[in-house]
């Protein structure tokens, strides 16, 4: 079992062994999910999105769907930043 201590900003270091095991690379978003047993952290890497194959309109365009998702996410983050500067 590995542990980490949150910084004053709430940042936590994910141990290298776990980052490698679960494909958490720089730039990969992680999902925090509350469960009845505690906090669950999931990597939203390619494997995460591959679990949704068949739910998308066209499985052949998974890369395009991921790009659209990330572009929309970036757009929302930029909107938040522009609102906070006002």
PDB file of N, CA and C in Angstrom:
ATOM      1  N   UNK A   1       0.852  -1.171   0.000  1.00  0.00           N
ATOM      2  CA  UNK A   1       0.000   0.000   0.000  1.00  0.00           C
ATOM      3  C   UNK A   1       0.898   1.234   0.000  1.00  0.00           C
ATOM      4  N   UNK A   2       0.601   2.153  -0.926  1.00  0.00           N
ATOM      5  CA  UNK A   2       1.332   3.405  -0.997  1.00  0.00           C
ATOM      6  C   UNK A   2       0.473   4.533  -0.463  1.00  0.00           C
ATOM      7  N   UNK A   3       1.121   5.559   0.037  1.00  0.00           N
ATOM      8  CA  UNK A   3       0.391   6.710   0.561  1.00  0.00           C
ATOM      9  C   UNK A   3       0.957   7.993  -0.045  1.00  0.00           C
ATOM     10  N   UNK A   4       0.222   9.076   0.117  1.00  0.00           N
ATOM     11  CA  UNK A   4       0.657  10.383  -0.348  1.00  0.00           C
ATOM     12  C   UNK A   4       0.047  11.426   0.577  1.00  0.00           C
ATOM     13  N   UNK A   5       0.694  12.576   0.664  1.00  0.00           N
ATOM     14  CA  UNK A   5       0.208  13.648   1.526  1.00  0.00           C
ATOM     15  C   UNK A   5      -0.216  14.822   0.642  1.00  0.00           C
ATOM     16  N   UNK A   6      -1.451  15.303   0.789  1.00  0.00           N
ATOM     17  CA  UNK A   6      -1.904  16.439  -0.015  1.00  0.00           C
ATOM     18  C   UNK A   6      -1.103  17.700   0.306  1.00  0.00           C
ATOM     19  N   UNK A   7      -0.839  18.513  -0.736  1.00  0.00           N
ATOM     20  CA  UNK A   7      -0.195  19.806  -0.535  1.00  0.00           C
ATOM     21  C   UNK A   7      -1.234  20.797  -0.026  1.00  0.00           C
ATOM     22  N   UNK A   8      -0.806  22.012   0.256  1.00  0.00           N
ATOM     23  CA  UNK A   8      -1.741  23.037   0.721  1.00  0.00           C
ATOM     24  C   UNK A   8      -2.791  23.367  -0.347  1.00  0.00           C
ATOM     25  N   UNK A   9      -2.489  23.054  -1.616  1.00  0.00           N
ATOM     26  CA  UNK A   9      -3.440  23.271  -2.709  1.00  0.00           C
ATOM     27  C   UNK A   9      -4.306  22.047  -2.971  1.00  0.00           C
ATOM     28  N   UNK A  10      -4.140  20.984  -2.195  1.00  0.00           N
ATOM     29  CA  UNK A  10      -4.941  19.781  -2.369  1.00  0.00           C
ATOM     30  C   UNK A  10      -4.387  18.824  -3.412  1.00  0.00           C
ATOM     31  N   UNK A  11      -3.183  19.081  -3.902  1.00  0.00           N
ATOM     32  CA  UNK A  11      -2.582  18.207  -4.902  1.00  0.00           C
ATOM     33  C   UNK A  11      -1.987  16.979  -4.226  1.00  0.00           C
ATOM     34  N   UNK A  12      -2.155  15.827  -4.884  1.00  0.00           N
ATOM     35  CA  UNK A  12      -1.653  14.564  -4.351  1.00  0.00           C
ATOM     36  C   UNK A  12      -0.800  13.890  -5.415  1.00  0.00           C
ATOM     37  N   UNK A  13       0.345  13.376  -5.019  1.00  0.00           N
ATOM     38  CA  UNK A  13       1.211  12.648  -5.934  1.00  0.00           C
ATOM     39  C   UNK A  13       0.728  11.204  -6.020  1.00  0.00           C
ATOM     40  N   UNK A  14       0.462  10.746  -7.238  1.00  0.00           N
ATOM     41  CA  UNK A  14       0.095   9.341  -7.442  1.00  0.00           C
ATOM     42  C   UNK A  14       1.392   8.573  -7.617  1.00  0.00           C
ATOM     43  N   UNK A  15       1.653   7.565  -6.794  1.00  0.00           N
ATOM     44  CA  UNK A  15       2.918   6.826  -6.871  1.00  0.00           C
ATOM     45  C   UNK A  15       3.184   6.282  -8.281  1.00  0.00           C
ATOM     46  N   UNK A  16       4.460   6.312  -8.665  1.00  0.00           N
ATOM     47  CA  UNK A  16       4.877   5.912 -10.009  1.00  0.00           C
ATOM     48  C   UNK A  16       4.369   4.526 -10.395  1.00  0.00           C
ATOM     49  N   UNK A  17       4.476   3.572  -9.489  1.00  0.00           N
ATOM     50  CA  UNK A  17       4.037   2.205  -9.789  1.00  0.00           C
ATOM     51  C   UNK A  17       2.573   2.178 -10.208  1.00  0.00           C
ATOM     52  N   UNK A  18       1.744   2.955  -9.510  1.00  0.00           N
ATOM     53  CA  UNK A  18       0.309   2.988  -9.824  1.00  0.00           C
ATOM     54  C   UNK A  18       0.033   3.764 -11.103  1.00  0.00           C
ATOM     55  N   UNK A  19       0.777   4.861 -11.334  1.00  0.00           N
ATOM     56  CA  UNK A  19       0.606   5.601 -12.591  1.00  0.00           C
ATOM     57  C   UNK A  19       0.921   4.704 -13.779  1.00  0.00           C
ATOM     58  N   UNK A  20       2.001   3.947 -13.680  1.00  0.00           N
ATOM     59  CA  UNK A  20       2.380   3.051 -14.774  1.00  0.00           C
ATOM     60  C   UNK A  20       1.363   1.926 -14.951  1.00  0.00           C
ATOM     61  N   UNK A  21       0.929   1.346 -13.855  1.00  0.00           N
ATOM     62  CA  UNK A  21      -0.013   0.227 -13.915  1.00  0.00           C
ATOM     63  C   UNK A  21      -1.344   0.631 -14.545  1.00  0.00           C
ATOM     64  N   UNK A  22      -1.819   1.839 -14.240  1.00  0.00           N
ATOM     65  CA  UNK A  22      -3.141   2.268 -14.692  1.00  0.00           C
ATOM     66  C   UNK A  22      -3.097   3.270 -15.850  1.00  0.00           C
ATOM     67  N   UNK A  23      -1.924   3.468 -16.428  1.00  0.00           N
ATOM     68  CA  UNK A  23      -1.817   4.310 -17.617  1.00  0.00           C
ATOM     69  C   UNK A  23      -2.080   5.783 -17.378  1.00  0.00           C
ATOM     70  N   UNK A  24      -1.712   6.269 -16.205  1.00  0.00           N
ATOM     71  CA  UNK A  24      -1.892   7.689 -15.910  1.00  0.00           C
ATOM     72  C   UNK A  24      -0.608   8.406 -16.312  1.00  0.00           C
ATOM     73  N   UNK A  25      -0.658   9.004 -17.497  1.00  0.00           N
ATOM     74  CA  UNK A  25       0.489   9.711 -18.047  1.00  0.00           C
ATOM     75  C   UNK A  25       0.222  11.207 -17.975  1.00  0.00           C
ATOM     76  N   UNK A  26       1.271  12.037 -18.124  1.00  0.00           N
ATOM     77  CA  UNK A  26       1.045  13.481 -18.125  1.00  0.00           C
ATOM     78  C   UNK A  26      -0.011  13.864 -19.160  1.00  0.00           C
ATOM     79  N   UNK A  27      -0.958  14.677 -18.761  1.00  0.00           N
ATOM     80  CA  UNK A  27      -2.016  15.123 -19.658  1.00  0.00           C
ATOM     81  C   UNK A  27      -3.250  14.240 -19.660  1.00  0.00           C
ATOM     82  N   UNK A  28      -3.182  13.075 -19.017  1.00  0.00           N
ATOM     83  CA  UNK A  28      -4.344  12.181 -18.950  1.00  0.00           C
ATOM     84  C   UNK A  28      -5.221  12.635 -17.788  1.00  0.00           C
ATOM     85  N   UNK A  29      -6.478  12.878 -18.060  1.00  0.00           N
ATOM     86  CA  UNK A  29      -7.416  13.310 -17.020  1.00  0.00           C
ATOM     87  C   UNK A  29      -7.775  12.119 -16.138  1.00  0.00           C
ATOM     88  N   UNK A  30      -7.967  12.388 -14.857  1.00  0.00           N
ATOM     89  CA  UNK A  30      -8.412  11.344 -13.941  1.00  0.00           C
ATOM     90  C   UNK A  30      -9.797  11.710 -13.413  1.00  0.00           C
ATOM     91  N   UNK A  31     -10.571  10.696 -13.145  1.00  0.00           N
ATOM     92  CA  UNK A  31     -11.939  10.846 -12.668  1.00  0.00           C
ATOM     93  C   UNK A  31     -11.972  10.484 -11.187  1.00  0.00           C
ATOM     94  N   UNK A  32     -12.591  11.317 -10.367  1.00  0.00           N
ATOM     95  CA  UNK A  32     -12.760  11.033  -8.947  1.00  0.00           C
ATOM     96  C   UNK A  32     -14.219  10.663  -8.728  1.00  0.00           C
ATOM     97  N   UNK A  33     -14.438   9.467  -8.228  1.00  0.00           N
ATOM     98  CA  UNK A  33     -15.803   8.981  -8.037  1.00  0.00           C
ATOM     99  C   UNK A  33     -15.988   8.584  -6.573  1.00  0.00           C
ATOM    100  N   UNK A  34     -17.022   9.139  -5.960  1.00  0.00           N
ATOM    101  CA  UNK A  34     -17.341   8.772  -4.575  1.00  0.00           C
ATOM    102  C   UNK A  34     -18.129   7.472  -4.582  1.00  0.00           C
ATOM    103  N   UNK A  35     -17.730   6.537  -3.737  1.00  0.00           N
ATOM    104  CA  UNK A  35     -18.452   5.276  -3.582  1.00  0.00           C
ATOM    105  C   UNK A  35     -18.771   5.101  -2.107  1.00  0.00           C
ATOM    106  N   UNK A  36     -19.568   4.092  -1.791  1.00  0.00           N
ATOM    107  CA  UNK A  36     -19.891   3.862  -0.370  1.00  0.00           C
ATOM    108  C   UNK A  36     -18.661   3.403   0.413  1.00  0.00           C
ATOM    109  N   UNK A  37     -17.612   2.965  -0.305  1.00  0.00           N
ATOM    110  CA  UNK A  37     -16.388   2.497   0.348  1.00  0.00           C
ATOM    111  C   UNK A  37     -15.304   3.562   0.409  1.00  0.00           C
ATOM    112  N   UNK A  38     -15.517   4.700  -0.238  1.00  0.00           N
ATOM    113  CA  UNK A  38     -14.525   5.761  -0.238  1.00  0.00           C
ATOM    114  C   UNK A  38     -14.376   6.380  -1.610  1.00  0.00           C
ATOM    115  N   UNK A  39     -13.199   6.915  -1.879  1.00  0.00           N
ATOM    116  CA  UNK A  39     -12.925   7.612  -3.129  1.00  0.00           C
ATOM    117  C   UNK A  39     -12.257   6.678  -4.126  1.00  0.00           C
ATOM    118  N   UNK A  40     -12.767   6.662  -5.348  1.00  0.00           N
ATOM    119  CA  UNK A  40     -12.219   5.840  -6.418  1.00  0.00           C
ATOM    120  C   UNK A  40     -11.629   6.783  -7.459  1.00  0.00           C
ATOM    121  N   UNK A  41     -10.388   6.529  -7.868  1.00  0.00           N
ATOM    122  CA  UNK A  41      -9.718   7.338  -8.880  1.00  0.00           C
ATOM    123  C   UNK A  41      -9.562   6.489 -10.127  1.00  0.00           C
ATOM    124  N   UNK A  42     -10.070   6.989 -11.267  1.00  0.00           N
ATOM    125  CA  UNK A  42      -9.980   6.252 -12.526  1.00  0.00           C
ATOM    126  C   UNK A  42      -9.229   7.081 -13.553  1.00  0.00           C
ATOM    127  N   UNK A  43      -8.360   6.428 -14.296  1.00  0.00           N
ATOM    128  CA  UNK A  43      -7.665   7.081 -15.388  1.00  0.00           C
ATOM    129  C   UNK A  43      -8.599   7.163 -16.585  1.00  0.00           C
ATOM    130  N   UNK A  44      -8.703   8.332 -17.189  1.00  0.00           N
ATOM    131  CA  UNK A  44      -9.542   8.487 -18.376  1.00  0.00           C
ATOM    132  C   UNK A  44      -8.664   8.435 -19.624  1.00  0.00           C
ATOM    133  N   UNK A  45      -7.856   7.371 -19.717  1.00  0.00           N
ATOM    134  CA  UNK A  45      -6.975   7.173 -20.863  1.00  0.00           C
ATOM    135  C   UNK A  45      -7.722   6.444 -21.966  1.00  0.00           C
ATOM    136  N   UNK A  46      -7.027   6.016 -22.999  1.00  0.00           N
ATOM    137  CA  UNK A  46      -7.642   5.337 -24.144  1.00  0.00           C
ATOM    138  C   UNK A  46      -8.431   4.108 -23.692  1.00  0.00           C
ATOM    139  N   UNK A  47      -7.906   3.334 -22.740  1.00  0.00           N
ATOM    140  CA  UNK A  47      -8.616   2.143 -22.264  1.00  0.00           C
ATOM    141  C   UNK A  47      -9.969   2.514 -21.654  1.00  0.00           C
ATOM    142  N   UNK A  48     -10.006   3.630 -20.941  1.00  0.00           N
ATOM    143  CA  UNK A  48     -11.257   4.096 -20.338  1.00  0.00           C
ATOM    144  C   UNK A  48     -12.312   4.318 -21.423  1.00  0.00           C
ATOM    145  N   UNK A  49     -11.916   5.002 -22.492  1.00  0.00           N
ATOM    146  CA  UNK A  49     -12.859   5.296 -23.566  1.00  0.00           C
ATOM    147  C   UNK A  49     -13.203   4.054 -24.385  1.00  0.00           C
ATOM    148  N   UNK A  50     -12.265   3.113 -24.494  1.00  0.00           N
ATOM    149  CA  UNK A  50     -12.536   1.883 -25.248  1.00  0.00           C
ATOM    150  C   UNK A  50     -13.658   1.068 -24.618  1.00  0.00           C
ATOM    151  N   UNK A  51     -13.877   1.222 -23.310  1.00  0.00           N
ATOM    152  CA  UNK A  51     -14.965   0.502 -22.647  1.00  0.00           C
ATOM    153  C   UNK A  51     -16.336   0.921 -23.175  1.00  0.00           C
ATOM    154  N   UNK A  52     -16.378   2.081 -23.811  1.00  0.00           N
ATOM    155  CA  UNK A  52     -17.645   2.592 -24.308  1.00  0.00           C
ATOM    156  C   UNK A  52     -17.893   2.230 -25.770  1.00  0.00           C
ATOM    157  N   UNK A  53     -17.030   1.404 -26.335  1.00  0.00           N
ATOM    158  CA  UNK A  53     -17.231   0.982 -27.735  1.00  0.00           C
ATOM    159  C   UNK A  53     -18.622   0.378 -27.871  1.00  0.00           C
ATOM    160  N   UNK A  54     -19.278   0.703 -28.943  1.00  0.00           N
ATOM    161  CA  UNK A  54     -20.628   0.206 -29.173  1.00  0.00           C
ATOM    162  C   UNK A  54     -21.689   1.203 -28.744  1.00  0.00           C
ATOM    163  N   UNK A  55     -21.330   2.099 -27.834  1.00  0.00           N
ATOM    164  CA  UNK A  55     -22.279   3.118 -27.398  1.00  0.00           C
ATOM    165  C   UNK A  55     -22.236   4.340 -28.304  1.00  0.00           C
ATOM    166  N   UNK A  56     -21.112   4.516 -28.979  1.00  0.00           N
ATOM    167  CA  UNK A  56     -20.969   5.657 -29.871  1.00  0.00           C
ATOM    168  C   UNK A  56     -21.655   5.372 -31.198  1.00  0.00           C
ATOM    169  N   UNK A  57     -21.922   6.415 -31.908  1.00  0.00           N
ATOM    170  CA  UNK A  57     -22.599   6.268 -33.195  1.00  0.00           C
ATOM    171  C   UNK A  57     -21.817   5.379 -34.152  1.00  0.00           C
ATOM    172  N   UNK A  58     -20.482   5.524 -34.169  1.00  0.00           N
ATOM    173  CA  UNK A  58     -19.675   4.775 -35.129  1.00  0.00           C
ATOM    174  C   UNK A  58     -18.368   4.374 -34.450  1.00  0.00           C
ATOM    175  N   UNK A  59     -18.204   3.096 -34.146  1.00  0.00           N
ATOM    176  CA  UNK A  59     -17.010   2.615 -33.452  1.00  0.00           C
ATOM    177  C   UNK A  59     -15.727   2.913 -34.210  1.00  0.00           C
ATOM    178  N   UNK A  60     -15.808   3.018 -35.545  1.00  0.00           N
ATOM    179  CA  UNK A  60     -14.608   3.263 -36.338  1.00  0.00           C
ATOM    180  C   UNK A  60     -14.026   4.646 -36.077  1.00  0.00           C
ATOM    181  N   UNK A  61     -14.833   5.542 -35.555  1.00  0.00           N
ATOM    182  CA  UNK A  61     -14.389   6.916 -35.343  1.00  0.00           C
ATOM    183  C   UNK A  61     -14.104   7.227 -33.877  1.00  0.00           C
ATOM    184  N   UNK A  62     -13.634   6.256 -33.119  1.00  0.00           N
ATOM    185  CA  UNK A  62     -13.374   6.468 -31.695  1.00  0.00           C
ATOM    186  C   UNK A  62     -12.365   7.594 -31.478  1.00  0.00           C
ATOM    187  N   UNK A  63     -11.288   7.609 -32.275  1.00  0.00           N
ATOM    188  CA  UNK A  63     -10.299   8.678 -32.122  1.00  0.00           C
ATOM    189  C   UNK A  63     -10.925  10.046 -32.339  1.00  0.00           C
ATOM    190  N   UNK A  64     -11.801  10.162 -33.322  1.00  0.00           N
ATOM    191  CA  UNK A  64     -12.464  11.434 -33.591  1.00  0.00           C
ATOM    192  C   UNK A  64     -13.392  11.821 -32.443  1.00  0.00           C
ATOM    193  N   UNK A  65     -14.091  10.842 -31.887  1.00  0.00           N
ATOM    194  CA  UNK A  65     -14.984  11.117 -30.756  1.00  0.00           C
ATOM    195  C   UNK A  65     -14.185  11.604 -29.549  1.00  0.00           C
ATOM    196  N   UNK A  66     -13.033  10.992 -29.304  1.00  0.00           N
ATOM    197  CA  UNK A  66     -12.180  11.410 -28.188  1.00  0.00           C
ATOM    198  C   UNK A  66     -11.680  12.829 -28.423  1.00  0.00           C
ATOM    199  N   UNK A  67     -11.263  13.133 -29.648  1.00  0.00           N
ATOM    200  CA  UNK A  67     -10.790  14.481 -29.974  1.00  0.00           C
ATOM    201  C   UNK A  67     -11.894  15.506 -29.751  1.00  0.00           C
ATOM    202  N   UNK A  68     -13.120  15.190 -30.160  1.00  0.00           N
ATOM    203  CA  UNK A  68     -14.250  16.100 -29.958  1.00  0.00           C
ATOM    204  C   UNK A  68     -14.494  16.325 -28.464  1.00  0.00           C
ATOM    205  N   UNK A  69     -14.440  15.232 -27.692  1.00  0.00           N
ATOM    206  CA  UNK A  69     -14.645  15.315 -26.242  1.00  0.00           C
ATOM    207  C   UNK A  69     -13.591  16.227 -25.615  1.00  0.00           C
ATOM    208  N   UNK A  70     -12.325  16.017 -25.990  1.00  0.00           N
ATOM    209  CA  UNK A  70     -11.240  16.822 -25.409  1.00  0.00           C
ATOM    210  C   UNK A  70     -11.345  18.277 -25.841  1.00  0.00           C
ATOM    211  N   UNK A  71     -11.726  18.530 -27.098  1.00  0.00           N
ATOM    212  CA  UNK A  71     -11.874  19.899 -27.581  1.00  0.00           C
ATOM    213  C   UNK A  71     -12.976  20.621 -26.804  1.00  0.00           C
ATOM    214  N   UNK A  72     -14.075  19.945 -26.566  1.00  0.00           N
ATOM    215  CA  UNK A  72     -15.174  20.534 -25.800  1.00  0.00           C
ATOM    216  C   UNK A  72     -14.737  20.802 -24.357  1.00  0.00           C
ATOM    217  N   UNK A  73     -13.975  19.881 -23.815  1.00  0.00           N
ATOM    218  CA  UNK A  73     -13.473  20.050 -22.450  1.00  0.00           C
ATOM    219  C   UNK A  73     -12.545  21.265 -22.359  1.00  0.00           C
ATOM    220  N   UNK A  74     -11.665  21.427 -23.333  1.00  0.00           N
ATOM    221  CA  UNK A  74     -10.755  22.577 -23.370  1.00  0.00           C
ATOM    222  C   UNK A  74     -11.552  23.871 -23.496  1.00  0.00           C
ATOM    223  N   UNK A  75     -12.564  23.867 -24.347  1.00  0.00           N
ATOM    224  CA  UNK A  75     -13.414  25.045 -24.541  1.00  0.00           C
ATOM    225  C   UNK A  75     -14.085  25.448 -23.222  1.00  0.00           C
ATOM    226  N   UNK A  76     -14.593  24.466 -22.486  1.00  0.00           N
ATOM    227  CA  UNK A  76     -15.240  24.757 -21.208  1.00  0.00           C
ATOM    228  C   UNK A  76     -14.244  25.318 -20.196  1.00  0.00           C
ATOM    229  N   UNK A  77     -13.025  24.761 -20.165  1.00  0.00           N
ATOM    230  CA  UNK A  77     -12.001  25.255 -19.244  1.00  0.00           C
ATOM    231  C   UNK A  77     -11.617  26.691 -19.593  1.00  0.00           C
ATOM    232  N   UNK A  78     -11.481  26.988 -20.887  1.00  0.00           N
ATOM    233  CA  UNK A  78     -11.143  28.352 -21.313  1.00  0.00           C
ATOM    234  C   UNK A  78     -12.243  29.329 -20.940  1.00  0.00           C
ATOM    235  N   UNK A  79     -13.509  28.906 -21.055  1.00  0.00           N
ATOM    236  CA  UNK A  79     -14.623  29.763 -20.660  1.00  0.00           C
ATOM    237  C   UNK A  79     -14.574  30.057 -19.159  1.00  0.00           C
ATOM    238  N   UNK A  80     -14.258  29.030 -18.373  1.00  0.00           N
ATOM    239  CA  UNK A  80     -14.144  29.228 -16.927  1.00  0.00           C
ATOM    240  C   UNK A  80     -13.040  30.228 -16.601  1.00  0.00           C
ATOM    241  N   UNK A  81     -11.894  30.089 -17.298  1.00  0.00           N
ATOM    242  CA  UNK A  81     -10.780  30.995 -17.051  1.00  0.00           C
ATOM    243  C   UNK A  81     -11.120  32.426 -17.436  1.00  0.00           C
ATOM    244  N   UNK A  82     -11.809  32.600 -18.563  1.00  0.00           N
ATOM    245  CA  UNK A  82     -12.166  33.956 -18.996  1.00  0.00           C
ATOM    246  C   UNK A  82     -13.163  34.582 -18.042  1.00  0.00           C
ATOM    247  N   UNK A  83     -14.065  33.802 -17.463  1.00  0.00           N
ATOM    248  CA  UNK A  83     -15.027  34.331 -16.492  1.00  0.00           C
ATOM    249  C   UNK A  83     -14.335  34.716 -15.193  1.00  0.00           C
ATOM    250  N   UNK A  84     -13.324  33.945 -14.789  1.00  0.00           N
ATOM    251  CA  UNK A  84     -12.651  34.232 -13.527  1.00  0.00           C
ATOM    252  C   UNK A  84     -11.764  35.469 -13.626  1.00  0.00           C
ATOM    253  N   UNK A  85     -11.371  35.855 -14.845  1.00  0.00           N
ATOM    254  CA  UNK A  85     -10.521  37.046 -15.031  1.00  0.00           C
ATOM    255  C   UNK A  85     -11.332  38.333 -14.992  1.00  0.00           C
ATOM    256  N   UNK A  86     -12.657  38.220 -15.162  1.00  0.00           N
ATOM    257  CA  UNK A  86     -13.509  39.424 -15.197  1.00  0.00           C
ATOM    258  C   UNK A  86     -13.790  39.935 -13.816  1.00  0.00           C
TER     259      UNK A  86
END
